[in-house]
Amino acid sequence: MAFKVVISEGENSHQIEVEAAESKKLIGLKIGEEFDASLVGLTGYKVKITGGSDKNGFPMKKDIDGQRRMKSLLSGGIGFKPKRDGQRRRKTVRGNTISDETVQINTIVTEKGEKDINELLESKE
């Protein structure tokens, strides 16, 4: 299974497709963990996982352990935006661990490398 890794750096974001061989190394990582971005072709960079979504579009939520999908009562935050004060809704969300069901992984840059991301992505293509 290939992932789409979205890397945010300030106002800019870059979307990178990760091949099946490298995606196996990302399975099992949780929201909040850091990994070396050389897996996605960015040598010298470290990125932190901030979220993601599964193949059906359900968002990953940090509060839910594991890889499972479940219905949770939400009053705001990831997965539900209330229209009025006190509104709650039961919504389906995914756990905080990356699995085969995950399609997109959202990350932010925590440690920069020597070269700019744009240069590394252009040389990769």
PDB file of N, CA and C in Angstrom:
ATOM      1  N   MET A   1       0.846  -1.181   0.000  1.00  0.00           N
ATOM      2  CA  MET A   1       0.000   0.000   0.000  1.00  0.00           C
ATOM      3  C   MET A   1       0.887   1.239   0.000  1.00  0.00           C
ATOM      4  N   ALA A   2       0.627   2.166  -0.865  1.00  0.00           N
ATOM      5  CA  ALA A   2       1.400   3.394  -0.941  1.00  0.00           C
ATOM      6  C   ALA A   2       0.675   4.496  -0.169  1.00  0.00           C
ATOM      7  N   PHE A   3       1.449   5.364   0.453  1.00  0.00           N
ATOM      8  CA  PHE A   3       0.907   6.484   1.209  1.00  0.00           C
ATOM      9  C   PHE A   3       1.159   7.776   0.455  1.00  0.00           C
ATOM     10  N   LYS A   4       0.355   8.787   0.767  1.00  0.00           N
ATOM     11  CA  LYS A   4       0.641  10.156   0.378  1.00  0.00           C
ATOM     12  C   LYS A   4       1.069  10.855   1.652  1.00  0.00           C
ATOM     13  N   VAL A   5       2.284  11.348   1.673  1.00  0.00           N
ATOM     14  CA  VAL A   5       2.795  12.063   2.833  1.00  0.00           C
ATOM     15  C   VAL A   5       2.757  13.548   2.512  1.00  0.00           C
ATOM     16  N   VAL A   6       2.028  14.322   3.330  1.00  0.00           N
ATOM     17  CA  VAL A   6       1.932  15.764   3.162  1.00  0.00           C
ATOM     18  C   VAL A   6       2.875  16.396   4.176  1.00  0.00           C
ATOM     19  N   ILE A   7       3.883  17.103   3.688  1.00  0.00           N
ATOM     20  CA  ILE A   7       4.886  17.723   4.549  1.00  0.00           C
ATOM     21  C   ILE A   7       4.656  19.225   4.550  1.00  0.00           C
ATOM     22  N   SER A   8       4.382  19.773   5.738  1.00  0.00           N
ATOM     23  CA  SER A   8       4.140  21.214   5.876  1.00  0.00           C
ATOM     24  C   SER A   8       5.376  21.871   6.463  1.00  0.00           C
ATOM     25  N   GLU A   9       5.755  22.976   5.824  1.00  0.00           N
ATOM     26  CA  GLU A   9       6.896  23.762   6.295  1.00  0.00           C
ATOM     27  C   GLU A   9       6.481  25.221   6.235  1.00  0.00           C
ATOM     28  N   GLY A  10       6.012  25.743   7.376  1.00  0.00           N
ATOM     29  CA  GLY A  10       5.514  27.106   7.404  1.00  0.00           C
ATOM     30  C   GLY A  10       4.244  27.218   6.588  1.00  0.00           C
ATOM     31  N   GLU A  11       4.238  28.114   5.605  1.00  0.00           N
ATOM     32  CA  GLU A  11       3.070  28.295   4.748  1.00  0.00           C
ATOM     33  C   GLU A  11       3.041  27.315   3.582  1.00  0.00           C
ATOM     34  N   ASN A  12       4.162  26.666   3.300  1.00  0.00           N
ATOM     35  CA  ASN A  12       4.250  25.765   2.147  1.00  0.00           C
ATOM     36  C   ASN A  12       3.990  24.328   2.559  1.00  0.00           C
ATOM     37  N   SER A  13       3.371  23.574   1.670  1.00  0.00           N
ATOM     38  CA  SER A  13       3.194  22.146   1.904  1.00  0.00           C
ATOM     39  C   SER A  13       3.509  21.394   0.624  1.00  0.00           C
ATOM     40  N   HIS A  14       4.019  20.186   0.782  1.00  0.00           N
ATOM     41  CA  HIS A  14       4.434  19.365  -0.345  1.00  0.00           C
ATOM     42  C   HIS A  14       3.836  17.975  -0.166  1.00  0.00           C
ATOM     43  N   GLN A  15       3.315  17.414  -1.241  1.00  0.00           N
ATOM     44  CA  GLN A  15       2.723  16.085  -1.197  1.00  0.00           C
ATOM     45  C   GLN A  15       3.644  15.125  -1.929  1.00  0.00           C
ATOM     46  N   ILE A  16       4.001  14.028  -1.242  1.00  0.00           N
ATOM     47  CA  ILE A  16       4.935  13.059  -1.799  1.00  0.00           C
ATOM     48  C   ILE A  16       4.293  11.678  -1.733  1.00  0.00           C
ATOM     49  N   GLU A  17       4.362  10.932  -2.826  1.00  0.00           N
ATOM     50  CA  GLU A  17       3.886   9.546  -2.843  1.00  0.00           C
ATOM     51  C   GLU A  17       5.027   8.656  -2.355  1.00  0.00           C
ATOM     52  N   VAL A  18       4.718   7.780  -1.408  1.00  0.00           N
ATOM     53  CA  VAL A  18       5.711   6.858  -0.858  1.00  0.00           C
ATOM     54  C   VAL A  18       5.444   5.484  -1.445  1.00  0.00           C
ATOM     55  N   GLU A  19       6.481   4.846  -1.953  1.00  0.00           N
ATOM     56  CA  GLU A  19       6.344   3.523  -2.565  1.00  0.00           C
ATOM     57  C   GLU A  19       6.052   2.463  -1.498  1.00  0.00           C
ATOM     58  N   ALA A  20       5.642   1.288  -1.948  1.00  0.00           N
ATOM     59  CA  ALA A  20       5.222   0.216  -1.042  1.00  0.00           C
ATOM     60  C   ALA A  20       6.361  -0.245  -0.131  1.00  0.00           C
ATOM     61  N   ALA A  21       7.587  -0.285  -0.630  1.00  0.00           N
ATOM     62  CA  ALA A  21       8.713  -0.761   0.184  1.00  0.00           C
ATOM     63  C   ALA A  21       8.979   0.171   1.371  1.00  0.00           C
ATOM     64  N   GLU A  22       8.948   1.481   1.125  1.00  0.00           N
ATOM     65  CA  GLU A  22       9.188   2.435   2.202  1.00  0.00           C
ATOM     66  C   GLU A  22       7.981   2.578   3.117  1.00  0.00           C
ATOM     67  N   SER A  23       6.784   2.336   2.589  1.00  0.00           N
ATOM     68  CA  SER A  23       5.578   2.516   3.406  1.00  0.00           C
ATOM     69  C   SER A  23       5.503   1.492   4.526  1.00  0.00           C
ATOM     70  N   LYS A  24       6.111   0.334   4.335  1.00  0.00           N
ATOM     71  CA  LYS A  24       6.127  -0.692   5.388  1.00  0.00           C
ATOM     72  C   LYS A  24       6.849  -0.183   6.634  1.00  0.00           C
ATOM     73  N   LYS A  25       7.836   0.700   6.454  1.00  0.00           N
ATOM     74  CA  LYS A  25       8.597   1.235   7.584  1.00  0.00           C
ATOM     75  C   LYS A  25       7.776   2.240   8.386  1.00  0.00           C
ATOM     76  N   LEU A  26       6.737   2.832   7.773  1.00  0.00           N
ATOM     77  CA  LEU A  26       5.906   3.820   8.466  1.00  0.00           C
ATOM     78  C   LEU A  26       4.768   3.171   9.257  1.00  0.00           C
ATOM     79  N   ILE A  27       4.396   1.938   8.911  1.00  0.00           N
ATOM     80  CA  ILE A  27       3.290   1.268   9.598  1.00  0.00           C
ATOM     81  C   ILE A  27       3.684   1.028  11.052  1.00  0.00           C
ATOM     82  N   GLY A  28       2.790   1.381  11.958  1.00  0.00           N
ATOM     83  CA  GLY A  28       3.041   1.217  13.393  1.00  0.00           C
ATOM     84  C   GLY A  28       3.432   2.510  14.092  1.00  0.00           C
ATOM     85  N   LEU A  29       3.808   3.542  13.331  1.00  0.00           N
ATOM     86  CA  LEU A  29       4.126   4.826  13.948  1.00  0.00           C
ATOM     87  C   LEU A  29       2.838   5.512  14.393  1.00  0.00           C
ATOM     88  N   LYS A  30       2.921   6.318  15.459  1.00  0.00           N
ATOM     89  CA  LYS A  30       1.753   6.990  16.011  1.00  0.00           C
ATOM     90  C   LYS A  30       1.841   8.497  15.799  1.00  0.00           C
ATOM     91  N   ILE A  31       0.704   9.157  15.973  1.00  0.00           N
ATOM     92  CA  ILE A  31       0.659  10.618  15.898  1.00  0.00           C
ATOM     93  C   ILE A  31       1.550  11.183  17.000  1.00  0.00           C
ATOM     94  N   GLY A  32       2.396  12.132  16.660  1.00  0.00           N
ATOM     95  CA  GLY A  32       3.314  12.742  17.616  1.00  0.00           C
ATOM     96  C   GLY A  32       4.724  12.197  17.524  1.00  0.00           C
ATOM     97  N   GLU A  33       4.929  11.061  16.867  1.00  0.00           N
ATOM     98  CA  GLU A  33       6.267  10.486  16.712  1.00  0.00           C
ATOM     99  C   GLU A  33       6.993  11.146  15.545  1.00  0.00           C
ATOM    100  N   GLU A  34       8.320  11.170  15.638  1.00  0.00           N
ATOM    101  CA  GLU A  34       9.146  11.730  14.578  1.00  0.00           C
ATOM    102  C   GLU A  34       9.818  10.595  13.819  1.00  0.00           C
ATOM    103  N   PHE A  35      10.064  10.824  12.524  1.00  0.00           N
ATOM    104  CA  PHE A  35      10.832   9.853  11.750  1.00  0.00           C
ATOM    105  C   PHE A  35      11.721  10.595  10.771  1.00  0.00           C
ATOM    106  N   ASP A  36      12.742   9.886  10.290  1.00  0.00           N
ATOM    107  CA  ASP A  36      13.698  10.455   9.362  1.00  0.00           C
ATOM    108  C   ASP A  36      13.042  10.556   7.984  1.00  0.00           C
ATOM    109  N   ALA A  37      13.051  11.727   7.402  1.00  0.00           N
ATOM    110  CA  ALA A  37      12.375  11.964   6.129  1.00  0.00           C
ATOM    111  C   ALA A  37      13.160  11.430   4.938  1.00  0.00           C
ATOM    112  N   SER A  38      14.288  10.786   5.168  1.00  0.00           N
ATOM    113  CA  SER A  38      15.004  10.171   4.047  1.00  0.00           C
ATOM    114  C   SER A  38      14.186   9.016   3.463  1.00  0.00           C
ATOM    115  N   LEU A  39      13.212   8.506   4.214  1.00  0.00           N
ATOM    116  CA  LEU A  39      12.304   7.479   3.698  1.00  0.00           C
ATOM    117  C   LEU A  39      11.493   7.997   2.515  1.00  0.00           C
ATOM    118  N   VAL A  40      11.189   9.295   2.523  1.00  0.00           N
ATOM    119  CA  VAL A  40      10.404   9.901   1.443  1.00  0.00           C
ATOM    120  C   VAL A  40      11.274  10.720   0.495  1.00  0.00           C
ATOM    121  N   GLY A  41      12.588  10.637   0.638  1.00  0.00           N
ATOM    122  CA  GLY A  41      13.497  11.295  -0.292  1.00  0.00           C
ATOM    123  C   GLY A  41      14.018  12.640   0.161  1.00  0.00           C
ATOM    124  N   LEU A  42      13.834  12.995   1.426  1.00  0.00           N
ATOM    125  CA  LEU A  42      14.326  14.279   1.940  1.00  0.00           C
ATOM    126  C   LEU A  42      15.457  14.012   2.927  1.00  0.00           C
ATOM    127  N   THR A  43      16.667  13.892   2.430  1.00  0.00           N
ATOM    128  CA  THR A  43      17.805  13.585   3.289  1.00  0.00           C
ATOM    129  C   THR A  43      18.128  14.759   4.200  1.00  0.00           C
ATOM    130  N   GLY A  44      18.382  14.455   5.458  1.00  0.00           N
ATOM    131  CA  GLY A  44      18.720  15.470   6.439  1.00  0.00           C
ATOM    132  C   GLY A  44      17.529  16.061   7.165  1.00  0.00           C
ATOM    133  N   TYR A  45      16.334  15.756   6.764  1.00  0.00           N
ATOM    134  CA  TYR A  45      15.121  16.299   7.381  1.00  0.00           C
ATOM    135  C   TYR A  45      14.528  15.295   8.367  1.00  0.00           C
ATOM    136  N   LYS A  46      13.906  15.828   9.410  1.00  0.00           N
ATOM    137  CA  LYS A  46      13.102  15.024  10.330  1.00  0.00           C
ATOM    138  C   LYS A  46      11.712  15.623  10.343  1.00  0.00           C
ATOM    139  N   VAL A  47      10.689  14.759  10.343  1.00  0.00           N
ATOM    140  CA  VAL A  47       9.309  15.227  10.345  1.00  0.00           C
ATOM    141  C   VAL A  47       8.538  14.562  11.472  1.00  0.00           C
ATOM    142  N   LYS A  48       7.507  15.264  11.937  1.00  0.00           N
ATOM    143  CA  LYS A  48       6.659  14.795  13.028  1.00  0.00           C
ATOM    144  C   LYS A  48       5.258  14.539  12.477  1.00  0.00           C
ATOM    145  N   ILE A  49       4.671  13.393  12.821  1.00  0.00           N
ATOM    146  CA  ILE A  49       3.341  13.036  12.350  1.00  0.00           C
ATOM    147  C   ILE A  49       2.304  13.827  13.137  1.00  0.00           C
ATOM    148  N   THR A  50       1.410  14.530  12.421  1.00  0.00           N
ATOM    149  CA  THR A  50       0.370  15.324  13.072  1.00  0.00           C
ATOM    150  C   THR A  50      -1.027  14.787  12.828  1.00  0.00           C
ATOM    151  N   GLY A  51      -1.171  13.834  11.917  1.00  0.00           N
ATOM    152  CA  GLY A  51      -2.494  13.272  11.649  1.00  0.00           C
ATOM    153  C   GLY A  51      -2.503  12.531  10.342  1.00  0.00           C
ATOM    154  N   GLY A  52      -3.724  12.294   9.838  1.00  0.00           N
ATOM    155  CA  GLY A  52      -3.874  11.587   8.579  1.00  0.00           C
ATOM    156  C   GLY A  52      -5.314  11.167   8.391  1.00  0.00           C
ATOM    157  N   SER A  53      -5.542  10.364   7.352  1.00  0.00           N
ATOM    158  CA  SER A  53      -6.880   9.846   7.105  1.00  0.00           C
ATOM    159  C   SER A  53      -6.778   8.482   6.442  1.00  0.00           C
ATOM    160  N   ASP A  54      -7.878   7.709   6.550  1.00  0.00           N
ATOM    161  CA  ASP A  54      -7.880   6.368   5.984  1.00  0.00           C
ATOM    162  C   ASP A  54      -8.485   6.361   4.594  1.00  0.00           C
ATOM    163  N   LYS A  55      -8.636   5.174   4.023  1.00  0.00           N
ATOM    164  CA  LYS A  55      -9.095   5.064   2.632  1.00  0.00           C
ATOM    165  C   LYS A  55     -10.531   5.527   2.436  1.00  0.00           C
ATOM    166  N   ASN A  56     -11.328   5.600   3.508  1.00  0.00           N
ATOM    167  CA  ASN A  56     -12.701   6.083   3.413  1.00  0.00           C
ATOM    168  C   ASN A  56     -12.830   7.548   3.806  1.00  0.00           C
ATOM    169  N   GLY A  57     -11.724   8.208   4.132  1.00  0.00           N
ATOM    170  CA  GLY A  57     -11.742   9.623   4.445  1.00  0.00           C
ATOM    171  C   GLY A  57     -11.915   9.953   5.914  1.00  0.00           C
ATOM    172  N   PHE A  58     -11.944   8.946   6.795  1.00  0.00           N
ATOM    173  CA  PHE A  58     -12.094   9.220   8.221  1.00  0.00           C
ATOM    174  C   PHE A  58     -10.765   9.701   8.801  1.00  0.00           C
ATOM    175  N   PRO A  59     -10.778  10.792   9.591  1.00  0.00           N
ATOM    176  CA  PRO A  59      -9.529  11.350  10.116  1.00  0.00           C
ATOM    177  C   PRO A  59      -8.965  10.539  11.276  1.00  0.00           C
ATOM    178  N   MET A  60      -7.645  10.608  11.438  1.00  0.00           N
ATOM    179  CA  MET A  60      -6.986   9.984  12.588  1.00  0.00           C
ATOM    180  C   MET A  60      -7.113  10.930  13.777  1.00  0.00           C
ATOM    181  N   LYS A  61      -7.360  10.372  14.956  1.00  0.00           N
ATOM    182  CA  LYS A  61      -7.510  11.172  16.164  1.00  0.00           C
ATOM    183  C   LYS A  61      -6.505  10.686  17.200  1.00  0.00           C
ATOM    184  N   LYS A  62      -5.799  11.618  17.821  1.00  0.00           N
ATOM    185  CA  LYS A  62      -4.723  11.285  18.744  1.00  0.00           C
ATOM    186  C   LYS A  62      -5.222  10.581  20.007  1.00  0.00           C
ATOM    187  N   ASP A  63      -6.469  10.843  20.412  1.00  0.00           N
ATOM    188  CA  ASP A  63      -7.005  10.293  21.660  1.00  0.00           C
ATOM    189  C   ASP A  63      -7.290   8.797  21.592  1.00  0.00           C
ATOM    190  N   ILE A  64      -7.487   8.257  20.415  1.00  0.00           N
ATOM    191  CA  ILE A  64      -7.893   6.859  20.257  1.00  0.00           C
ATOM    192  C   ILE A  64      -6.669   6.007  19.966  1.00  0.00           C
ATOM    193  N   ASP A  65      -6.393   5.039  20.842  1.00  0.00           N
ATOM    194  CA  ASP A  65      -5.232   4.168  20.668  1.00  0.00           C
ATOM    195  C   ASP A  65      -5.501   3.104  19.609  1.00  0.00           C
ATOM    196  N   GLY A  66      -4.451   2.693  18.929  1.00  0.00           N
ATOM    197  CA  GLY A  66      -4.534   1.598  17.983  1.00  0.00           C
ATOM    198  C   GLY A  66      -4.872   2.028  16.575  1.00  0.00           C
ATOM    199  N   GLN A  67      -5.195   1.012  15.763  1.00  0.00           N
ATOM    200  CA  GLN A  67      -5.459   1.240  14.350  1.00  0.00           C
ATOM    201  C   GLN A  67      -6.938   1.190  14.035  1.00  0.00           C
ATOM    202  N   ARG A  68      -7.769   0.930  15.028  1.00  0.00           N
ATOM    203  CA  ARG A  68      -9.192   0.682  14.767  1.00  0.00           C
ATOM    204  C   ARG A  68      -9.956   1.946  14.398  1.00  0.00           C
ATOM    205  N   ARG A  69     -11.120   1.718  13.817  1.00  0.00           N
ATOM    206  CA  ARG A  69     -12.040   2.790  13.494  1.00  0.00           C
ATOM    207  C   ARG A  69     -13.228   2.650  14.434  1.00  0.00           C
ATOM    208  N   MET A  70     -13.662   3.766  15.016  1.00  0.00           N
ATOM    209  CA  MET A  70     -14.770   3.694  15.961  1.00  0.00           C
ATOM    210  C   MET A  70     -15.592   4.966  15.922  1.00  0.00           C
ATOM    211  N   LYS A  71     -16.805   4.872  16.463  1.00  0.00           N
ATOM    212  CA  LYS A  71     -17.666   6.049  16.588  1.00  0.00           C
ATOM    213  C   LYS A  71     -17.404   6.660  17.957  1.00  0.00           C
ATOM    214  N   SER A  72     -17.183   7.958  17.975  1.00  0.00           N
ATOM    215  CA  SER A  72     -16.862   8.658  19.209  1.00  0.00           C
ATOM    216  C   SER A  72     -17.749   9.898  19.322  1.00  0.00           C
ATOM    217  N   LEU A  73     -18.137  10.237  20.546  1.00  0.00           N
ATOM    218  CA  LEU A  73     -18.952  11.424  20.783  1.00  0.00           C
ATOM    219  C   LEU A  73     -18.021  12.635  20.835  1.00  0.00           C
ATOM    220  N   LEU A  74     -18.154  13.522  19.854  1.00  0.00           N
ATOM    221  CA  LEU A  74     -17.252  14.666  19.729  1.00  0.00           C
ATOM    222  C   LEU A  74     -17.998  15.966  19.989  1.00  0.00           C
ATOM    223  N   SER A  75     -17.302  16.895  20.643  1.00  0.00           N
ATOM    224  CA  SER A  75     -17.873  18.217  20.882  1.00  0.00           C
ATOM    225  C   SER A  75     -17.057  19.289  20.177  1.00  0.00           C
ATOM    226  N   GLY A  76     -16.161  18.885  19.305  1.00  0.00           N
ATOM    227  CA  GLY A  76     -15.332  19.818  18.552  1.00  0.00           C
ATOM    228  C   GLY A  76     -13.965  19.230  18.312  1.00  0.00           C
ATOM    229  N   GLY A  77     -13.163  19.927  17.562  1.00  0.00           N
ATOM    230  CA  GLY A  77     -11.820  19.464  17.276  1.00  0.00           C
ATOM    231  C   GLY A  77     -11.765  18.683  15.980  1.00  0.00           C
ATOM    232  N   ILE A  78     -10.843  17.731  15.907  1.00  0.00           N
ATOM    233  CA  ILE A  78     -10.648  16.947  14.693  1.00  0.00           C
ATOM    234  C   ILE A  78     -11.848  16.043  14.470  1.00  0.00           C
ATOM    235  N   GLY A  79     -12.431  16.130  13.275  1.00  0.00           N
ATOM    236  CA  GLY A  79     -13.533  15.268  12.914  1.00  0.00           C
ATOM    237  C   GLY A  79     -14.907  15.899  13.034  1.00  0.00           C
ATOM    238  N   PHE A  80     -15.041  17.029  13.760  1.00  0.00           N
ATOM    239  CA  PHE A  80     -16.346  17.661  13.923  1.00  0.00           C
ATOM    240  C   PHE A  80     -16.195  19.129  14.273  1.00  0.00           C
ATOM    241  N   LYS A  81     -16.899  19.971  13.537  1.00  0.00           N
ATOM    242  CA  LYS A  81     -16.920  21.413  13.800  1.00  0.00           C
ATOM    243  C   LYS A  81     -18.344  21.789  14.221  1.00  0.00           C
ATOM    244  N   PRO A  82     -18.595  22.048  15.515  1.00  0.00           N
ATOM    245  CA  PRO A  82     -19.959  22.357  15.964  1.00  0.00           C
ATOM    246  C   PRO A  82     -20.445  23.699  15.422  1.00  0.00           C
ATOM    247  N   LYS A  83     -21.739  23.759  15.144  1.00  0.00           N
ATOM    248  CA  LYS A  83     -22.350  24.982  14.618  1.00  0.00           C
ATOM    249  C   LYS A  83     -22.821  25.909  15.740  1.00  0.00           C
ATOM    250  N   ARG A  84     -23.070  25.356  16.919  1.00  0.00           N
ATOM    251  CA  ARG A  84     -23.527  26.182  18.049  1.00  0.00           C
ATOM    252  C   ARG A  84     -22.887  25.658  19.335  1.00  0.00           C
ATOM    253  N   ASP A  85     -22.953  26.442  20.406  1.00  0.00           N
ATOM    254  CA  ASP A  85     -22.361  26.058  21.690  1.00  0.00           C
ATOM    255  C   ASP A  85     -23.052  24.823  22.255  1.00  0.00           C
ATOM    256  N   GLY A  86     -22.270  23.900  22.779  1.00  0.00           N
ATOM    257  CA  GLY A  86     -22.808  22.712  23.425  1.00  0.00           C
ATOM    258  C   GLY A  86     -23.212  21.600  22.482  1.00  0.00           C
ATOM    259  N   GLN A  87     -23.070  21.792  21.196  1.00  0.00           N
ATOM    260  CA  GLN A  87     -23.467  20.771  20.234  1.00  0.00           C
ATOM    261  C   GLN A  87     -22.463  19.625  20.247  1.00  0.00           C
ATOM    262  N   ARG A  88     -22.986  18.393  20.283  1.00  0.00           N
ATOM    263  CA  ARG A  88     -22.142  17.207  20.226  1.00  0.00           C
ATOM    264  C   ARG A  88     -22.695  16.274  19.155  1.00  0.00           C
ATOM    265  N   ARG A  89     -21.838  15.458  18.616  1.00  0.00           N
ATOM    266  CA  ARG A  89     -22.256  14.555  17.553  1.00  0.00           C
ATOM    267  C   ARG A  89     -21.400  13.302  17.619  1.00  0.00           C
ATOM    268  N   ARG A  90     -22.003  12.161  17.346  1.00  0.00           N
ATOM    269  CA  ARG A  90     -21.251  10.907  17.272  1.00  0.00           C
ATOM    270  C   ARG A  90     -20.717  10.758  15.850  1.00  0.00           C
ATOM    271  N   LYS A  91     -19.395  10.746  15.719  1.00  0.00           N
ATOM    272  CA  LYS A  91     -18.745  10.682  14.411  1.00  0.00           C
ATOM    273  C   LYS A  91     -17.743   9.526  14.401  1.00  0.00           C
ATOM    274  N   THR A  92     -17.493   9.002  13.220  1.00  0.00           N
ATOM    275  CA  THR A  92     -16.522   7.927  13.056  1.00  0.00           C
ATOM    276  C   THR A  92     -15.134   8.526  12.851  1.00  0.00           C
ATOM    277  N   VAL A  93     -14.166   8.024  13.618  1.00  0.00           N
ATOM    278  CA  VAL A  93     -12.767   8.467  13.501  1.00  0.00           C
ATOM    279  C   VAL A  93     -11.867   7.241  13.550  1.00  0.00           C
ATOM    280  N   ARG A  94     -10.627   7.415  13.123  1.00  0.00           N
ATOM    281  CA  ARG A  94      -9.636   6.347  13.086  1.00  0.00           C
ATOM    282  C   ARG A  94      -8.664   6.534  14.245  1.00  0.00           C
ATOM    283  N   GLY A  95      -8.048   5.455  14.717  1.00  0.00           N
ATOM    284  CA  GLY A  95      -7.080   5.505  15.809  1.00  0.00           C
ATOM    285  C   GLY A  95      -5.806   6.236  15.425  1.00  0.00           C
ATOM    286  N   ASN A  96      -4.888   6.376  16.384  1.00  0.00           N
ATOM    287  CA  ASN A  96      -3.696   7.205  16.201  1.00  0.00           C
ATOM    288  C   ASN A  96      -2.498   6.481  15.594  1.00  0.00           C
ATOM    289  N   THR A  97      -2.664   5.226  15.193  1.00  0.00           N
ATOM    290  CA  THR A  97      -1.552   4.445  14.664  1.00  0.00           C
ATOM    291  C   THR A  97      -1.713   4.240  13.160  1.00  0.00           C
ATOM    292  N   ILE A  98      -0.624   4.387  12.424  1.00  0.00           N
ATOM    293  CA  ILE A  98      -0.651   4.201  10.977  1.00  0.00           C
ATOM    294  C   ILE A  98      -0.774   2.713  10.659  1.00  0.00           C
ATOM    295  N   SER A  99      -1.691   2.377   9.744  1.00  0.00           N
ATOM    296  CA  SER A  99      -1.910   0.982   9.362  1.00  0.00           C
ATOM    297  C   SER A  99      -2.008   0.875   7.840  1.00  0.00           C
ATOM    298  N   ASP A 100      -2.347  -0.321   7.348  1.00  0.00           N
ATOM    299  CA  ASP A 100      -2.535  -0.529   5.914  1.00  0.00           C
ATOM    300  C   ASP A 100      -3.728   0.251   5.389  1.00  0.00           C
ATOM    301  N   GLU A 101      -4.678   0.570   6.258  1.00  0.00           N
ATOM    302  CA  GLU A 101      -5.882   1.297   5.870  1.00  0.00           C
ATOM    303  C   GLU A 101      -5.602   2.792   5.654  1.00  0.00           C
ATOM    304  N   THR A 102      -4.503   3.293   6.181  1.00  0.00           N
ATOM    305  CA  THR A 102      -4.167   4.709   6.079  1.00  0.00           C
ATOM    306  C   THR A 102      -3.748   5.048   4.647  1.00  0.00           C
ATOM    307  N   VAL A 103      -4.232   6.201   4.158  1.00  0.00           N
ATOM    308  CA  VAL A 103      -3.906   6.638   2.809  1.00  0.00           C
ATOM    309  C   VAL A 103      -3.044   7.896   2.835  1.00  0.00           C
ATOM    310  N   GLN A 104      -3.374   8.833   3.728  1.00  0.00           N
ATOM    311  CA  GLN A 104      -2.655  10.100   3.794  1.00  0.00           C
ATOM    312  C   GLN A 104      -2.084  10.291   5.189  1.00  0.00           C
ATOM    313  N   ILE A 105      -0.842  10.775   5.253  1.00  0.00           N
ATOM    314  CA  ILE A 105      -0.180  11.077   6.521  1.00  0.00           C
ATOM    315  C   ILE A 105       0.230  12.542   6.493  1.00  0.00           C
ATOM    316  N   ASN A 106      -0.213  13.308   7.484  1.00  0.00           N
ATOM    317  CA  ASN A 106       0.130  14.726   7.577  1.00  0.00           C
ATOM    318  C   ASN A 106       1.313  14.885   8.521  1.00  0.00           C
ATOM    319  N   THR A 107       2.302  15.665   8.116  1.00  0.00           N
ATOM    320  CA  THR A 107       3.503  15.864   8.919  1.00  0.00           C
ATOM    321  C   THR A 107       3.935  17.326   8.892  1.00  0.00           C
ATOM    322  N   ILE A 108       4.782  17.693   9.867  1.00  0.00           N
ATOM    323  CA  ILE A 108       5.431  19.000   9.870  1.00  0.00           C
ATOM    324  C   ILE A 108       6.932  18.791  10.017  1.00  0.00           C
ATOM    325  N   VAL A 109       7.698  19.717   9.493  1.00  0.00           N
ATOM    326  CA  VAL A 109       9.156  19.637   9.558  1.00  0.00           C
ATOM    327  C   VAL A 109       9.609  20.071  10.953  1.00  0.00           C
ATOM    328  N   THR A 110      10.416  19.221  11.611  1.00  0.00           N
ATOM    329  CA  THR A 110      10.967  19.578  12.915  1.00  0.00           C
ATOM    330  C   THR A 110      12.464  19.880  12.837  1.00  0.00           C
ATOM    331  N   GLU A 111      13.134  19.283  11.849  1.00  0.00           N
ATOM    332  CA  GLU A 111      14.571  19.498  11.701  1.00  0.00           C
ATOM    333  C   GLU A 111      14.890  19.618  10.214  1.00  0.00           C
ATOM    334  N   LYS A 112      15.506  20.740   9.832  1.00  0.00           N
ATOM    335  CA  LYS A 112      15.803  20.989   8.420  1.00  0.00           C
ATOM    336  C   LYS A 112      17.139  20.389   8.031  1.00  0.00           C
ATOM    337  N   GLY A 113      17.233  20.051   6.756  1.00  0.00           N
ATOM    338  CA  GLY A 113      18.480  19.552   6.190  1.00  0.00           C
ATOM    339  C   GLY A 113      19.286  20.679   5.576  1.00  0.00           C
ATOM    340  N   GLU A 114      20.348  20.298   4.863  1.00  0.00           N
ATOM    341  CA  GLU A 114      21.213  21.295   4.240  1.00  0.00           C
ATOM    342  C   GLU A 114      20.554  21.947   3.035  1.00  0.00           C
ATOM    343  N   LYS A 115      19.860  21.155   2.222  1.00  0.00           N
ATOM    344  CA  LYS A 115      19.224  21.676   1.013  1.00  0.00           C
ATOM    345  C   LYS A 115      17.764  22.022   1.292  1.00  0.00           C
ATOM    346  N   ASP A 116      17.196  22.872   0.435  1.00  0.00           N
ATOM    347  CA  ASP A 116      15.788  23.238   0.515  1.00  0.00           C
ATOM    348  C   ASP A 116      14.930  22.067   0.007  1.00  0.00           C
ATOM    349  N   ILE A 117      13.718  21.953   0.507  1.00  0.00           N
ATOM    350  CA  ILE A 117      12.823  20.864   0.108  1.00  0.00           C
ATOM    351  C   ILE A 117      12.548  20.912  -1.390  1.00  0.00           C
ATOM    352  N   ASN A 118      12.337  22.107  -1.939  1.00  0.00           N
ATOM    353  CA  ASN A 118      12.059  22.227  -3.374  1.00  0.00           C
ATOM    354  C   ASN A 118      13.179  21.673  -4.225  1.00  0.00           C
ATOM    355  N   GLU A 119      14.434  21.912  -3.820  1.00  0.00           N
ATOM    356  CA  GLU A 119      15.581  21.387  -4.559  1.00  0.00           C
ATOM    357  C   GLU A 119      15.600  19.866  -4.519  1.00  0.00           C
ATOM    358  N   LEU A 120      15.334  19.300  -3.342  1.00  0.00           N
ATOM    359  CA  LEU A 120      15.358  17.839  -3.205  1.00  0.00           C
ATOM    360  C   LEU A 120      14.241  17.172  -4.010  1.00  0.00           C
ATOM    361  N   LEU A 121      13.068  17.793  -4.030  1.00  0.00           N
ATOM    362  CA  LEU A 121      11.949  17.225  -4.777  1.00  0.00           C
ATOM    363  C   LEU A 121      12.164  17.323  -6.282  1.00  0.00           C
ATOM    364  N   GLU A 122      12.773  18.414  -6.754  1.00  0.00           N
ATOM    365  CA  GLU A 122      13.056  18.570  -8.185  1.00  0.00           C
ATOM    366  C   GLU A 122      14.100  17.561  -8.651  1.00  0.00           C
ATOM    367  N   SER A 123      15.115  17.314  -7.813  1.00  0.00           N
ATOM    368  CA  SER A 123      16.154  16.348  -8.187  1.00  0.00           C
ATOM    369  C   SER A 123      15.625  14.922  -8.159  1.00  0.00           C
ATOM    370  N   LYS A 124      14.608  14.673  -7.329  1.00  0.00           N
ATOM    371  CA  LYS A 124      14.003  13.343  -7.239  1.00  0.00           C
ATOM    372  C   LYS A 124      13.236  13.006  -8.513  1.00  0.00           C
ATOM    373  N   GLU A 125      12.566  14.007  -9.093  1.00  0.00           N
ATOM    374  CA  GLU A 125      11.794  13.785 -10.317  1.00  0.00           C
ATOM    375  C   GLU A 125      12.734  13.737 -11.490  1.00  0.00           C
TER     376      GLU A 125
END
